[in-house]
């Protein structure tokens, strides 16, 4: 007797349907791995003043866009062919939502790369790089954990990602205040500090997208939409 797959979305009578759902999940995670690399490389390019790496990131953005379109098409074909219901439909809908978040993370990486090139050309490293490094590490951890929660269908880990969003907001606000102080102390810092401010804003948005992915993982696993709901409600859904 064939061994049953250890996958909550892999127990259909049709092996072809099983394979299609698994392929959709795999392609989504592959795209997730690419955008993780893009963000990590963008922060590295900024801090190291590596204009060549920044240009590579901008060029790869087209690959991210293409992957989004391909996954969307694949998801739509599954809906048309299989007319999925219940948990399968939640999976496909969630992937369509989450792939849009991944594409926007790719956009934020491209934006950071653009500012990395600008700051490298200007020469002197401005204030705020410590904050970029710290917030960058935080949101990259959130993104990784949200993708891992998707791969393992772990609603508890997804909830932990959601709870980190408030901390990132607080870190961003503190960093913005620090940069404002630098600009007030020396107007010559204004242009460079404003560039760093936009980088920090891009990283804060990466945290928001990671949170969106986590919300969709909870929807997949628990069947309840926790978007735009208080944290207490999300905790209730995950804990039930």
Protein backbone atom coordinates (compact mmCIF):
# COMPACT_ATOMS: atom_id res chain seq x y z
CA UNK A 1 0.00 0.00 0.00
CA UNK A 2 1.33 3.44 -0.92
CA UNK A 3 2.28 5.63 2.02
CA UNK A 4 -0.03 8.58 2.55
CA UNK A 5 1.64 11.95 2.24
CA UNK A 6 2.24 13.80 5.48
CA UNK A 7 0.44 16.88 4.20
CA UNK A 8 -2.96 18.19 5.21
CA UNK A 9 -3.50 19.26 1.60
CA UNK A 10 -2.40 15.96 0.09
CA UNK A 11 -5.15 13.44 0.77
CA UNK A 12 -7.34 13.64 -2.32
CA UNK A 13 -8.45 10.66 -4.35
CA UNK A 14 -6.94 12.37 -7.39
CA UNK A 15 -3.15 12.20 -7.24
CA UNK A 16 -3.04 14.87 -9.94
CA UNK A 17 -4.93 17.29 -7.66
CA UNK A 18 -2.50 16.48 -4.83
CA UNK A 19 0.42 17.24 -7.14
CA UNK A 20 -1.11 20.53 -8.31
CA UNK A 21 -1.60 21.78 -4.75
CA UNK A 22 1.90 20.70 -3.75
CA UNK A 23 3.37 22.43 -6.81
CA UNK A 24 1.50 25.63 -5.94
CA UNK A 25 2.89 25.59 -2.40
CA UNK A 26 6.40 24.81 -3.66
CA UNK A 27 6.40 27.65 -6.20
CA UNK A 28 5.13 30.07 -3.59
CA UNK A 29 7.91 29.09 -1.17
CA UNK A 30 10.49 29.40 -3.95
CA UNK A 31 9.32 32.94 -4.60
CA UNK A 32 9.44 33.58 -0.86
CA UNK A 33 13.04 32.42 -0.75
CA UNK A 34 13.93 34.79 -3.57
CA UNK A 35 12.39 37.86 -1.94
CA UNK A 36 14.06 36.96 1.37
CA UNK A 37 17.39 37.02 -0.46
CA UNK A 38 16.47 40.29 -2.16
CA UNK A 39 15.78 42.06 1.14
CA UNK A 40 18.87 40.64 2.82
CA UNK A 41 21.05 41.65 -0.12
CA UNK A 42 19.51 45.14 -0.30
CA UNK A 43 20.36 45.86 3.33
CA UNK A 44 23.86 44.46 2.80
CA UNK A 45 24.35 46.60 -0.31
CA UNK A 46 23.33 49.69 1.62
CA UNK A 47 25.53 49.07 4.65
CA UNK A 48 28.55 47.92 2.62
CA UNK A 49 28.18 50.61 -0.02
CA UNK A 50 28.02 47.92 -2.71
CA UNK A 51 26.52 49.55 -5.78
CA UNK A 52 27.09 46.46 -7.95
CA UNK A 53 25.02 44.29 -5.60
CA UNK A 54 22.31 46.95 -5.51
CA UNK A 55 22.11 46.92 -9.32
CA UNK A 56 21.75 43.12 -9.26
CA UNK A 57 18.79 43.42 -6.91
CA UNK A 58 17.04 45.90 -9.17
CA UNK A 59 17.56 43.61 -12.16
CA UNK A 60 16.10 40.58 -10.34
CA UNK A 61 12.88 42.45 -9.58
CA UNK A 62 11.59 41.41 -13.00
CA UNK A 63 12.00 37.76 -11.97
CA UNK A 64 9.88 38.39 -8.86
CA UNK A 65 7.17 40.01 -10.98
CA UNK A 66 7.18 37.09 -13.41
CA UNK A 67 6.88 34.58 -10.58
CA UNK A 68 3.87 36.43 -9.17
CA UNK A 69 2.10 36.26 -12.53
CA UNK A 70 2.92 32.57 -13.00
CA UNK A 71 1.67 31.62 -9.54
CA UNK A 72 -1.51 33.64 -9.99
CA UNK A 73 -2.15 31.85 -13.29
CA UNK A 74 -1.49 28.46 -11.72
CA UNK A 75 -3.89 29.21 -8.85
CA UNK A 76 -6.62 30.35 -11.24
CA UNK A 77 -6.25 27.18 -13.30
CA UNK A 78 -6.67 25.06 -10.16
CA UNK A 79 -9.88 26.92 -9.33
CA UNK A 80 -11.18 26.48 -12.89
CA UNK A 81 -10.25 22.80 -13.21
CA UNK A 82 -10.86 21.48 -9.71
CA UNK A 83 -13.45 23.85 -8.22
CA UNK A 84 -11.86 23.39 -4.78
CA UNK A 85 -13.88 23.74 -1.60
CA UNK A 86 -13.23 24.24 2.12
CA UNK A 87 -9.55 23.91 3.09
CA UNK A 88 -8.35 23.54 -0.52
CA UNK A 89 -10.11 26.72 -1.56
CA UNK A 90 -8.63 28.52 1.46
CA UNK A 91 -5.16 27.39 0.38
CA UNK A 92 -5.55 28.66 -3.17
CA UNK A 93 -7.14 31.97 -2.11
CA UNK A 94 -4.45 32.50 0.51
CA UNK A 95 -1.65 31.90 -2.00
CA UNK A 96 -3.19 34.47 -4.35
CA UNK A 97 -3.27 36.99 -1.49
CA UNK A 98 0.18 36.17 -0.15
CA UNK A 99 1.94 36.19 -3.50
CA UNK A 100 0.88 39.83 -3.86
CA UNK A 101 2.56 40.55 -0.51
CA UNK A 102 5.73 38.81 -1.67
CA UNK A 103 5.77 40.89 -4.86
CA UNK A 104 5.49 44.05 -2.76
CA UNK A 105 8.36 42.89 -0.55
CA UNK A 106 10.35 42.60 -3.78
CA UNK A 107 9.37 46.17 -4.60
CA UNK A 108 10.63 47.32 -1.20
CA UNK A 109 13.96 45.54 -1.84
CA UNK A 110 14.27 47.38 -5.16
CA UNK A 111 13.52 50.66 -3.40
CA UNK A 112 16.23 50.01 -0.79
CA UNK A 113 18.66 49.11 -3.57
CA UNK A 114 17.91 52.42 -5.29
CA UNK A 115 18.78 54.35 -2.13
CA UNK A 116 21.88 52.17 -1.63
CA UNK A 117 23.14 53.31 -5.05
CA UNK A 118 22.31 56.94 -4.26
CA UNK A 119 24.06 56.88 -0.89
CA UNK A 120 27.08 55.04 -2.29
CA UNK A 121 27.49 57.70 -4.97
CA UNK A 122 27.26 60.44 -2.35
CA UNK A 123 30.17 58.88 -0.48
CA UNK A 124 30.02 59.52 3.24
CA UNK A 125 27.93 56.99 5.17
CA UNK A 126 25.13 58.82 6.96
CA UNK A 127 23.78 58.26 10.42
CA UNK A 128 21.10 55.62 10.86
CA UNK A 129 22.87 52.53 9.55
CA UNK A 130 22.73 50.85 12.97
CA UNK A 131 18.95 51.30 12.94
CA UNK A 132 18.77 49.93 9.38
CA UNK A 133 20.73 46.86 10.42
CA UNK A 134 18.58 46.23 13.51
CA UNK A 135 15.17 46.78 11.92
CA UNK A 136 16.30 44.90 8.82
CA UNK A 137 17.22 41.85 10.90
CA UNK A 138 13.89 42.04 12.74
CA UNK A 139 11.66 42.19 9.66
CA UNK A 140 13.70 39.57 7.80
CA UNK A 141 13.13 37.27 10.75
CA UNK A 142 9.41 37.98 10.57
CA UNK A 143 9.31 37.25 6.85
CA UNK A 144 11.22 34.00 7.28
CA UNK A 145 8.98 32.89 10.14
CA UNK A 146 5.79 33.70 8.25
CA UNK A 147 6.96 31.60 5.28
CA UNK A 148 7.97 28.80 7.63
CA UNK A 149 4.54 28.97 9.27
CA UNK A 150 2.99 28.58 5.81
CA UNK A 151 5.23 25.61 4.96
CA UNK A 152 4.34 23.85 8.22
CA UNK A 153 0.74 25.14 8.50
CA UNK A 154 1.64 26.47 11.95
CA UNK A 155 -0.97 28.97 13.13
CA UNK A 156 0.78 29.51 16.47
CA UNK A 157 3.97 30.64 14.77
CA UNK A 158 1.91 32.85 12.47
CA UNK A 159 0.37 34.49 15.54
CA UNK A 160 3.84 35.17 16.95
CA UNK A 161 4.76 36.95 13.71
CA UNK A 162 1.67 39.13 14.00
CA UNK A 163 2.63 40.13 17.52
CA UNK A 164 6.06 41.32 16.32
CA UNK A 165 4.51 43.97 14.07
CA UNK A 166 3.91 46.38 16.96
CA UNK A 167 7.56 46.12 18.03
CA UNK A 168 8.74 46.93 14.51
CA UNK A 169 6.49 50.01 14.43
CA UNK A 170 7.99 51.17 17.72
CA UNK A 171 11.55 50.60 16.45
CA UNK A 172 10.78 52.53 13.27
CA UNK A 173 9.37 55.49 15.19
CA UNK A 174 12.40 55.57 17.51
CA UNK A 175 14.79 55.44 14.55
CA UNK A 176 12.90 58.24 12.80
CA UNK A 177 13.24 60.44 15.91
CA UNK A 178 16.98 59.75 16.02
CA UNK A 179 17.42 60.73 12.38
CA UNK A 180 15.37 63.87 12.90
CA UNK A 181 17.77 64.87 15.67
CA UNK A 182 20.76 64.38 13.35
CA UNK A 183 19.11 66.58 10.71
CA UNK A 184 18.39 69.33 13.24
CA UNK A 185 21.97 69.27 14.52
CA UNK A 186 23.51 69.65 11.06
CA UNK A 187 21.42 70.60 7.99
CA UNK A 188 24.11 69.06 5.77
CA UNK A 189 22.81 65.66 6.94
CA UNK A 190 19.27 66.27 5.71
CA UNK A 191 19.50 64.71 2.23
CA UNK A 192 21.36 61.61 3.36
CA UNK A 193 19.23 61.11 6.48
CA UNK A 194 16.05 61.43 4.42
CA UNK A 195 17.30 58.63 2.18
CA UNK A 196 17.88 56.44 5.23
CA UNK A 197 14.43 57.38 6.51
CA UNK A 198 12.90 56.03 3.29
CA UNK A 199 14.90 52.83 3.69
CA UNK A 200 13.58 52.40 7.22
CA UNK A 201 10.05 53.00 5.95
CA UNK A 202 10.56 50.30 3.30
CA UNK A 203 11.73 47.85 5.96
CA UNK A 204 8.75 48.68 8.16
CA UNK A 205 6.51 47.84 5.20
CA UNK A 206 8.28 44.47 4.84
CA UNK A 207 7.18 43.75 8.41
CA UNK A 208 3.61 44.66 7.46
CA UNK A 209 3.68 42.23 4.53
CA UNK A 210 5.10 39.47 6.73
CA UNK A 211 2.20 40.11 9.10
CA UNK A 212 -0.27 39.86 6.20
CA UNK A 213 1.19 36.48 5.23
CA UNK A 214 0.86 35.30 8.83
CA UNK A 215 -2.80 36.35 8.88
CA UNK A 216 -3.44 34.28 5.79
CA UNK A 217 -1.74 31.25 7.33
CA UNK A 218 -4.20 31.47 10.22
CA UNK A 219 -7.05 31.71 7.70
CA UNK A 220 -5.77 28.61 5.91
CA UNK A 221 -5.41 26.55 9.06
CA UNK A 222 -8.34 27.76 11.16
CA UNK A 223 -10.82 28.88 8.52
CA UNK A 224 -11.37 32.31 10.09
CA UNK A 225 -10.25 35.65 8.69
CA UNK A 226 -8.26 37.58 11.31
CA UNK A 227 -7.44 40.59 9.15
CA UNK A 228 -8.47 43.91 10.67
CA UNK A 229 -9.36 42.24 13.96
CA UNK A 230 -7.93 42.92 17.45
CA UNK A 231 -5.02 40.75 18.56
CA UNK A 232 -7.24 39.21 21.23
CA UNK A 233 -9.53 37.86 18.51
CA UNK A 234 -6.61 36.34 16.61
CA UNK A 235 -5.44 34.71 19.82
CA UNK A 236 -8.91 33.27 20.35
CA UNK A 237 -9.00 31.83 16.82
CA UNK A 238 -5.56 30.25 17.10
CA UNK A 239 -6.18 28.91 20.59
CA UNK A 240 -9.50 27.25 19.93
